[in-house]
Amino acid sequence: MFAVHQSPWMDEELHIMRDAVGKFLQKEFVPFMDKWEKQGFVDRDAWLKAGKAGLLCASIPAEYGGGGGNFKHEMVLVEELSYANITGFGNGVHSGIVAHYINSYGTEAQKQKWLPKMASGEIVSAIAMTEPGAGSDLQAVATTAIRQGEQYVLNGQKTFLTNGMTANLICVVAKTDPAESGRGISLIMLETESVEGEGGFSRGRNLEKLGMKAQDTAEIFFDDVRVPAENLLGSLEGKGFIQLMEQLPQERLIIAAGACAAIEKALKITSEYVKERKAFGKRILDFQNTQFRLAERYTEAKLARVFVDDCAMKLAEGKLDASTAAMAKWWTTQKQCEIVDECLQFFGGYGYMMEYPIARMYADSRIQKIYGGSNEIMKLLIAREI
């Protein structure tokens, strides 16, 4: 059931990569998970180790320091991180999202400046979309970036930034023309080391979350923060909303892939548990209720796997449409929450104890239905195509 290597997009190179990534995570990440969860962030040197091992920017061209792969390589990374229960390492945002904004829309100088250091782990990136008053409705962002000579002046506030406390390169979604809606949005690349300590830029606290305890999530503030005009992503203002929309299918499939792998992981550890745990003189697995419920959940896991595999192949070929990506995102994350909850029930009281992985998976799963566009927004996007 969990033979992920049977996915039709897998080949010999990806098998080798999967094996290497799995071994790396067991050696370099898993032993530190408890520490990272307690401190609320992944150690900075973990990014450098990941870069040295080739885990960063796997689908960015080799000429910019990346692995030269495609989305299938990102899929392997997303899955292996999920199978290993590594929830704090924000590589999906760093490599799967921000790096692709730069690669797709940046000037040649911008690509040469940032991508090699992102691939090595010297730069950790984040994206600043959400605001206290604007979530899924990106056209409503209030943060402004007004050009003054050869600089943009940033004012506003962003929240829920994955990698927010660690990042030294932040892709900021801002209005370069506040009078416009979507057409007034641009993406401004903020290099934090050049503005920290000057008073205008600040990070709030590392936000305390229900789950994803090892992932640093921050709010940031701009008060007349000056950024070089050359840090506008691309060469034209007002293209930010289109850029965001073009990249969202990949972002949403990254979330769906993580959901699919989490479902498989939850079912694996639950199956092992119900074969060992006994009640009323027999294994929990021997009760018909257990058999029927797990049969249903395994069926849903297979449906999720086939759907996500198909989406991954389409995305690698540049053929995944926004509506299908939205379907994959909402359905897999909904099933992730439902299945992890049901799996926890089989553990009884032990399932509520944080020393059992299923408890952490339960807490970690809930955000999946919210970020990357809430599932309600996903359904609206699908409905527009009906």
Protein backbone atom coordinates (compact mmCIF):
# COMPACT_ATOMS: atom_id res chain seq x y z
CA MET A 1 0.00 0.00 0.00
CA PHE A 2 2.86 2.37 0.75
CA ALA A 3 5.11 1.43 -2.17
CA VAL A 4 5.42 5.03 -3.34
CA HIS A 5 8.05 3.93 -5.84
CA GLN A 6 5.19 2.51 -7.89
CA SER A 7 4.06 6.02 -8.75
CA PRO A 8 4.22 6.30 -12.54
CA TRP A 9 6.38 9.42 -12.42
CA MET A 10 9.18 7.67 -10.51
CA ASP A 11 12.31 6.59 -12.39
CA GLU A 12 15.71 5.21 -11.42
CA GLU A 13 17.19 8.64 -10.72
CA LEU A 14 14.29 9.53 -8.43
CA HIS A 15 14.61 6.18 -6.61
CA ILE A 16 18.25 6.98 -5.89
CA MET A 17 17.28 10.47 -4.77
CA ARG A 18 14.51 9.16 -2.49
CA ASP A 19 16.90 6.74 -0.82
CA ALA A 20 19.52 9.44 -0.30
CA VAL A 21 17.00 11.97 1.05
CA GLY A 22 15.51 9.41 3.45
CA LYS A 23 18.95 8.54 4.84
CA PHE A 24 19.92 12.20 5.14
CA LEU A 25 16.76 13.06 7.09
CA GLN A 26 17.19 10.13 9.48
CA LYS A 27 20.75 11.18 10.20
CA GLU A 28 20.63 14.97 10.15
CA PHE A 29 17.04 15.99 10.96
CA VAL A 30 15.10 13.33 12.89
CA PRO A 31 17.45 13.31 15.94
CA PHE A 32 16.91 17.06 16.36
CA MET A 33 13.12 17.23 15.95
CA ASP A 34 12.37 17.34 19.68
CA LYS A 35 14.88 20.15 20.14
CA TRP A 36 13.49 22.10 17.19
CA GLU A 37 9.92 21.72 18.42
CA LYS A 38 10.84 22.99 21.87
CA GLN A 39 12.76 26.01 20.56
CA GLY A 40 10.21 26.77 17.83
CA PHE A 41 12.55 26.81 14.84
CA VAL A 42 14.91 24.65 12.81
CA ASP A 43 18.59 25.33 13.48
CA ARG A 44 20.17 27.53 10.84
CA ASP A 45 22.93 25.03 10.12
CA ALA A 46 20.29 22.49 9.06
CA TRP A 47 19.70 24.65 5.98
CA LEU A 48 23.40 24.62 5.15
CA LYS A 49 23.52 20.83 5.56
CA ALA A 50 20.47 20.47 3.31
CA GLY A 51 22.07 22.72 0.71
CA LYS A 52 25.29 20.73 0.75
CA ALA A 53 23.27 17.53 0.32
CA GLY A 54 21.41 18.94 -2.68
CA LEU A 55 18.00 19.14 -1.03
CA LEU A 56 17.43 22.83 -1.77
CA CYS A 57 16.19 24.24 -5.10
CA ALA A 58 16.06 20.74 -6.63
CA SER A 59 13.91 21.95 -9.53
CA ILE A 60 15.89 25.12 -10.25
CA PRO A 61 18.32 25.06 -13.25
CA ALA A 62 21.87 23.97 -12.50
CA GLU A 63 23.23 27.19 -13.98
CA TYR A 64 21.82 28.97 -10.93
CA GLY A 65 23.10 26.40 -8.46
CA GLY A 66 19.96 24.27 -8.39
CA GLY A 67 19.52 20.57 -8.97
CA GLY A 68 18.29 20.97 -12.55
CA GLY A 69 15.24 18.80 -11.90
CA ASN A 70 11.50 19.37 -12.14
CA PHE A 71 8.48 19.10 -9.88
CA LYS A 72 8.94 15.33 -9.54
CA HIS A 73 12.12 16.02 -7.57
CA GLU A 74 10.23 18.41 -5.30
CA MET A 75 7.59 15.69 -4.83
CA VAL A 76 10.21 13.27 -3.53
CA LEU A 77 11.40 15.86 -1.01
CA VAL A 78 7.89 16.75 0.15
CA GLU A 79 7.00 13.09 0.60
CA GLU A 80 10.16 12.09 2.43
CA LEU A 81 9.87 15.03 4.82
CA SER A 82 6.30 13.97 5.54
CA TYR A 83 7.16 10.29 5.99
CA ALA A 84 9.89 11.32 8.47
CA ASN A 85 7.46 13.62 10.33
CA ILE A 86 9.67 16.66 9.67
CA THR A 87 7.17 19.52 9.80
CA GLY A 88 9.39 22.48 10.68
CA PHE A 89 11.67 22.63 7.67
CA GLY A 90 10.04 25.18 5.35
CA ASN A 91 11.62 23.99 2.14
CA GLY A 92 8.29 23.91 0.33
CA VAL A 93 8.13 27.70 0.62
CA HIS A 94 11.85 28.22 0.07
CA SER A 95 12.51 25.90 -2.89
CA GLY A 96 9.04 25.17 -4.20
CA ILE A 97 7.63 28.70 -4.16
CA VAL A 98 10.06 31.63 -3.68
CA ALA A 99 12.83 30.13 -5.80
CA HIS A 100 10.35 29.59 -8.62
CA TYR A 101 9.10 33.18 -8.46
CA ILE A 102 12.69 34.33 -8.92
CA ASN A 103 13.45 31.78 -11.62
CA SER A 104 10.25 32.51 -13.55
CA TYR A 105 10.05 36.31 -13.29
CA GLY A 106 13.39 37.62 -12.05
CA THR A 107 15.91 39.40 -14.19
CA GLU A 108 19.13 37.57 -15.03
CA ALA A 109 20.94 39.65 -12.42
CA GLN A 110 18.37 38.73 -9.76
CA LYS A 111 18.63 35.04 -10.55
CA GLN A 112 22.42 35.13 -10.35
CA LYS A 113 22.31 37.11 -7.12
CA TRP A 114 19.85 35.04 -5.09
CA LEU A 115 19.31 31.53 -6.45
CA PRO A 116 22.83 30.10 -5.92
CA LYS A 117 22.80 31.16 -2.26
CA MET A 118 19.27 29.80 -1.85
CA ALA A 119 20.47 26.47 -3.24
CA SER A 120 23.41 26.38 -0.82
CA GLY A 121 21.32 27.35 2.20
CA GLU A 122 23.21 30.61 2.73
CA ILE A 123 19.93 32.40 2.04
CA VAL A 124 16.65 31.23 3.59
CA SER A 125 13.56 32.72 1.97
CA ALA A 126 9.97 33.46 2.90
CA ILE A 127 6.96 34.95 1.18
CA ALA A 128 4.89 37.72 2.77
CA MET A 129 1.35 37.48 1.44
CA THR A 130 -1.09 37.38 4.35
CA GLU A 131 -1.99 40.47 6.36
CA PRO A 132 -4.09 40.84 9.51
CA GLY A 133 -6.92 42.10 7.29
CA ALA A 134 -6.25 40.15 4.08
CA GLY A 135 -5.84 36.40 3.74
CA SER A 136 -7.03 34.52 0.67
CA ASP A 137 -8.14 37.80 -0.98
CA LEU A 138 -4.72 38.90 -2.16
CA GLN A 139 -6.10 41.83 -4.16
CA ALA A 140 -7.05 43.45 -0.83
CA VAL A 141 -3.50 43.72 0.55
CA ALA A 142 -2.84 47.08 2.19
CA THR A 143 0.97 46.99 2.34
CA THR A 144 2.39 49.60 -0.03
CA ALA A 145 5.69 49.95 -1.89
CA ILE A 146 5.83 53.46 -3.33
CA ARG A 147 8.69 54.33 -5.60
CA GLN A 148 10.81 57.32 -4.65
CA GLY A 149 13.71 57.78 -7.03
CA GLU A 150 15.79 54.63 -7.07
CA GLN A 151 14.07 53.10 -4.04
CA TYR A 152 10.74 51.65 -2.97
CA VAL A 153 9.39 52.75 0.41
CA LEU A 154 7.56 49.88 2.15
CA ASN A 155 4.81 50.44 4.70
CA GLY A 156 2.47 47.89 6.23
CA GLN A 157 2.30 44.62 8.11
CA LYS A 158 2.41 40.95 7.16
CA THR A 159 1.70 37.87 9.23
CA PHE A 160 1.95 34.06 9.25
CA LEU A 161 5.26 33.98 7.37
CA THR A 162 6.70 30.47 7.18
CA ASN A 163 10.47 30.79 7.83
CA GLY A 164 9.63 34.30 9.03
CA MET A 165 12.10 34.44 11.93
CA THR A 166 14.90 32.82 9.93
CA ALA A 167 14.52 34.29 6.45
CA ASN A 168 17.01 36.80 5.11
CA LEU A 169 15.21 37.15 1.76
CA ILE A 170 11.48 37.89 1.82
CA CYS A 171 9.23 38.15 -1.23
CA VAL A 172 6.77 40.89 -0.22
CA VAL A 173 3.37 41.21 -1.91
CA ALA A 174 2.67 44.95 -1.96
CA LYS A 175 0.74 47.64 -3.78
CA THR A 176 2.97 49.78 -5.97
CA ASP A 177 -0.24 51.50 -7.11
CA PRO A 178 -2.66 51.70 -4.15
CA ALA A 179 -5.42 53.06 -6.43
CA GLU A 180 -5.56 49.76 -8.31
CA SER A 181 -6.67 46.31 -7.20
CA GLY A 182 -4.88 43.30 -8.70
CA ARG A 183 -3.17 45.44 -11.32
CA GLY A 184 -1.54 47.52 -8.60
CA ILE A 185 0.29 44.59 -6.99
CA SER A 186 4.03 43.96 -7.36
CA LEU A 187 6.49 41.59 -5.72
CA ILE A 188 9.36 43.28 -3.87
CA MET A 189 12.35 41.22 -2.75
CA LEU A 190 13.45 42.38 0.70
CA GLU A 191 16.98 41.53 1.81
CA THR A 192 16.60 41.67 5.58
CA GLU A 193 20.29 42.10 6.39
CA SER A 194 20.29 45.46 4.62
CA VAL A 195 17.35 46.87 6.63
CA GLU A 196 17.49 45.19 10.06
CA GLY A 197 18.72 47.47 12.80
CA GLU A 198 17.60 50.62 10.99
CA GLY A 199 14.29 50.87 12.87
CA GLY A 200 11.89 50.67 9.95
CA PHE A 201 11.83 46.89 9.59
CA SER A 202 11.03 44.60 12.48
CA ARG A 203 9.95 41.04 13.16
CA GLY A 204 7.36 40.28 15.77
CA ARG A 205 7.43 37.25 18.01
CA ASN A 206 7.68 33.69 16.78
CA LEU A 207 3.97 32.88 16.74
CA GLU A 208 2.80 30.02 18.95
CA LYS A 209 0.73 27.62 16.88
CA LEU A 210 -1.56 24.63 17.39
CA GLY A 211 0.83 22.41 15.42
CA MET A 212 3.92 22.71 13.24
CA LYS A 213 5.82 23.56 16.43
CA ALA A 214 9.29 23.42 14.85
CA GLN A 215 8.37 25.79 12.03
CA ASP A 216 9.11 29.43 12.76
CA THR A 217 6.10 31.54 11.81
CA ALA A 218 6.36 35.29 12.18
CA GLU A 219 4.72 38.62 11.67
CA ILE A 220 6.76 41.46 10.17
CA PHE A 221 6.35 45.23 10.09
CA PHE A 222 7.41 47.92 7.61
CA ASP A 223 7.66 51.59 8.57
CA ASP A 224 9.20 53.55 5.70
CA VAL A 225 11.55 50.67 4.87
CA ARG A 226 13.67 51.56 1.85
CA VAL A 227 14.43 48.87 -0.71
CA PRO A 228 16.46 49.35 -3.90
CA ALA A 229 14.24 49.72 -6.97
CA GLU A 230 16.23 46.90 -8.59
CA ASN A 231 14.62 44.53 -6.05
CA LEU A 232 11.28 44.73 -7.85
CA LEU A 233 10.85 41.17 -9.09
CA GLY A 234 11.10 41.40 -12.84
CA SER A 235 11.33 44.72 -14.64
CA LEU A 236 7.73 45.99 -14.62
CA GLU A 237 5.40 47.09 -11.82
CA GLY A 238 1.86 45.73 -11.54
CA LYS A 239 2.67 42.15 -12.55
CA GLY A 240 2.61 40.69 -9.05
CA PHE A 241 -0.95 39.39 -9.00
CA ILE A 242 -0.50 37.58 -12.31
CA GLN A 243 2.79 36.13 -11.07
CA LEU A 244 1.10 34.88 -7.91
CA MET A 245 -1.76 33.28 -9.83
CA GLU A 246 0.58 31.53 -12.25
CA GLN A 247 2.57 29.91 -9.43
CA LEU A 248 -0.32 28.97 -7.14
CA PRO A 249 -1.01 25.58 -8.82
CA GLN A 250 2.49 24.44 -7.83
CA GLU A 251 2.08 25.79 -4.28
CA ARG A 252 -1.22 23.98 -3.90
CA LEU A 253 0.10 20.73 -5.28
CA ILE A 254 3.01 20.86 -2.82
CA ILE A 255 0.39 21.03 -0.05
CA ALA A 256 -1.60 18.17 -1.63
CA ALA A 257 1.52 16.03 -1.95
CA GLY A 258 2.31 16.57 1.71
CA ALA A 259 -1.27 15.66 2.61
CA CYS A 260 -1.10 12.47 0.56
CA ALA A 261 2.13 11.38 2.22
CA ALA A 262 0.78 12.24 5.68
CA ILE A 263 -2.26 10.05 5.05
CA GLU A 264 0.00 7.16 4.07
CA LYS A 265 2.21 7.70 7.12
CA ALA A 266 -0.79 7.81 9.48
CA LEU A 267 -2.24 4.61 8.07
CA LYS A 268 1.13 2.86 8.26
CA ILE A 269 1.72 3.57 11.95
CA THR A 270 -1.94 2.86 12.76
CA SER A 271 -1.86 -0.49 10.97
CA GLU A 272 1.23 -1.46 12.94
CA TYR A 273 -0.42 -0.43 16.20
CA VAL A 274 -3.73 -2.28 15.73
CA LYS A 275 -1.82 -5.48 14.89
CA GLU A 276 -0.01 -5.31 18.24
CA ARG A 277 -2.55 -3.76 20.63
CA LYS A 278 -5.11 -6.09 22.19
CA ALA A 279 -8.54 -5.52 23.74
CA PHE A 280 -10.95 -8.12 25.10
CA GLY A 281 -8.53 -10.88 24.29
CA LYS A 282 -7.91 -10.15 20.62
CA ARG A 283 -6.04 -7.70 18.42
CA ILE A 284 -7.76 -4.43 17.65
CA LEU A 285 -7.32 -5.29 13.98
CA ASP A 286 -9.47 -8.40 14.46
CA PHE A 287 -12.58 -6.34 15.22
CA GLN A 288 -14.76 -5.93 12.16
CA ASN A 289 -15.22 -2.23 12.91
CA THR A 290 -11.45 -1.75 12.65
CA GLN A 291 -11.24 -3.73 9.43
CA PHE A 292 -14.08 -1.85 7.73
CA ARG A 293 -12.90 1.62 8.77
CA LEU A 294 -9.30 0.98 7.73
CA ALA A 295 -10.52 -0.53 4.44
CA GLU A 296 -12.35 2.72 3.76
CA ARG A 297 -9.38 4.87 4.72
CA TYR A 298 -6.95 2.81 2.63
CA THR A 299 -9.27 3.24 -0.34
CA GLU A 300 -9.27 7.01 0.14
CA ALA A 301 -5.47 6.96 0.46
CA LYS A 302 -5.20 5.15 -2.87
CA LEU A 303 -7.57 7.64 -4.52
CA ALA A 304 -5.49 10.51 -3.15
CA ARG A 305 -2.25 8.93 -4.38
CA VAL A 306 -3.54 8.33 -7.92
CA PHE A 307 -4.95 11.85 -8.16
CA VAL A 308 -1.83 13.57 -6.81
CA ASP A 309 0.45 11.46 -9.01
CA ASP A 310 -1.56 12.50 -12.06
CA CYS A 311 -1.37 16.17 -11.02
CA ALA A 312 2.40 15.88 -10.48
CA MET A 313 2.94 14.53 -13.98
CA LYS A 314 0.78 17.29 -15.44
CA LEU A 315 2.64 19.99 -13.50
CA ALA A 316 6.02 18.63 -14.60
CA GLU A 317 4.77 18.99 -18.19
CA GLY A 318 3.36 22.48 -17.58
CA LYS A 319 -0.22 21.25 -18.04
CA LEU A 320 -1.75 21.47 -14.55
CA ASP A 321 -4.64 23.94 -14.53
CA ALA A 322 -5.62 26.03 -11.50
CA SER A 323 -8.98 24.33 -11.04
CA THR A 324 -7.53 20.82 -10.85
CA ALA A 325 -4.82 22.01 -8.45
CA ALA A 326 -7.55 23.50 -6.25
CA MET A 327 -9.39 20.16 -6.31
CA ALA A 328 -6.26 18.33 -5.23
CA LYS A 329 -5.52 20.81 -2.46
CA TRP A 330 -8.94 20.84 -0.81
CA TRP A 331 -9.77 17.15 -1.14
CA THR A 332 -6.46 15.73 0.05
CA THR A 333 -6.18 18.11 2.99
CA GLN A 334 -9.77 17.43 4.02
CA LYS A 335 -9.07 13.69 3.89
CA GLN A 336 -5.79 14.17 5.75
CA CYS A 337 -7.61 15.74 8.69
CA GLU A 338 -10.39 13.15 8.65
CA ILE A 339 -8.08 10.14 8.33
CA VAL A 340 -5.54 11.27 10.92
CA ASP A 341 -8.41 11.91 13.34
CA GLU A 342 -9.83 8.45 12.76
CA CYS A 343 -6.40 6.85 13.06
CA LEU A 344 -5.86 8.59 16.39
CA GLN A 345 -9.08 7.02 17.68
CA PHE A 346 -7.61 3.53 17.22
CA PHE A 347 -4.81 4.46 19.63
CA GLY A 348 -7.29 5.25 22.38
CA GLY A 349 -5.85 7.39 25.19
CA TYR A 350 -2.33 6.87 23.88
CA GLY A 351 -3.30 8.72 20.72
CA TYR A 352 -3.77 11.86 22.79
CA MET A 353 -0.25 11.67 24.18
CA MET A 354 2.32 13.80 22.37
CA GLU A 355 4.96 11.07 22.64
CA TYR A 356 2.97 9.17 20.01
CA PRO A 357 3.54 10.48 16.46
CA ILE A 358 -0.18 10.30 15.64
CA ALA A 359 -0.89 13.04 18.22
CA ARG A 360 1.59 15.41 16.60
CA MET A 361 0.24 14.53 13.17
CA TYR A 362 -3.25 15.42 14.37
CA ALA A 363 -2.12 18.90 15.48
CA ASP A 364 0.06 19.43 12.39
CA SER A 365 -2.69 18.46 9.94
CA ARG A 366 -5.20 21.17 10.76
CA ILE A 367 -3.37 24.05 9.06
CA GLN A 368 -3.46 22.20 5.73
CA LYS A 369 -7.08 23.21 5.17
CA ILE A 370 -6.21 26.89 5.70
CA TYR A 371 -2.91 27.93 4.14
CA GLY A 372 -2.24 28.07 0.42
CA GLY A 373 -5.80 29.39 0.09
CA SER A 374 -8.51 28.07 2.40
CA ASN A 375 -10.50 25.06 1.22
CA GLU A 376 -13.57 27.26 0.91
CA ILE A 377 -11.66 29.43 -1.58
CA MET A 378 -10.58 26.30 -3.45
CA LYS A 379 -14.23 25.34 -3.93
CA LEU A 380 -15.06 28.82 -5.19
CA LEU A 381 -12.27 28.55 -7.76
CA ILE A 382 -13.59 25.19 -8.93
CA ALA A 383 -17.18 26.49 -9.06
CA ARG A 384 -16.14 29.26 -11.45
CA GLU A 385 -15.31 26.60 -14.03
CA ILE A 386 -18.70 24.89 -13.77
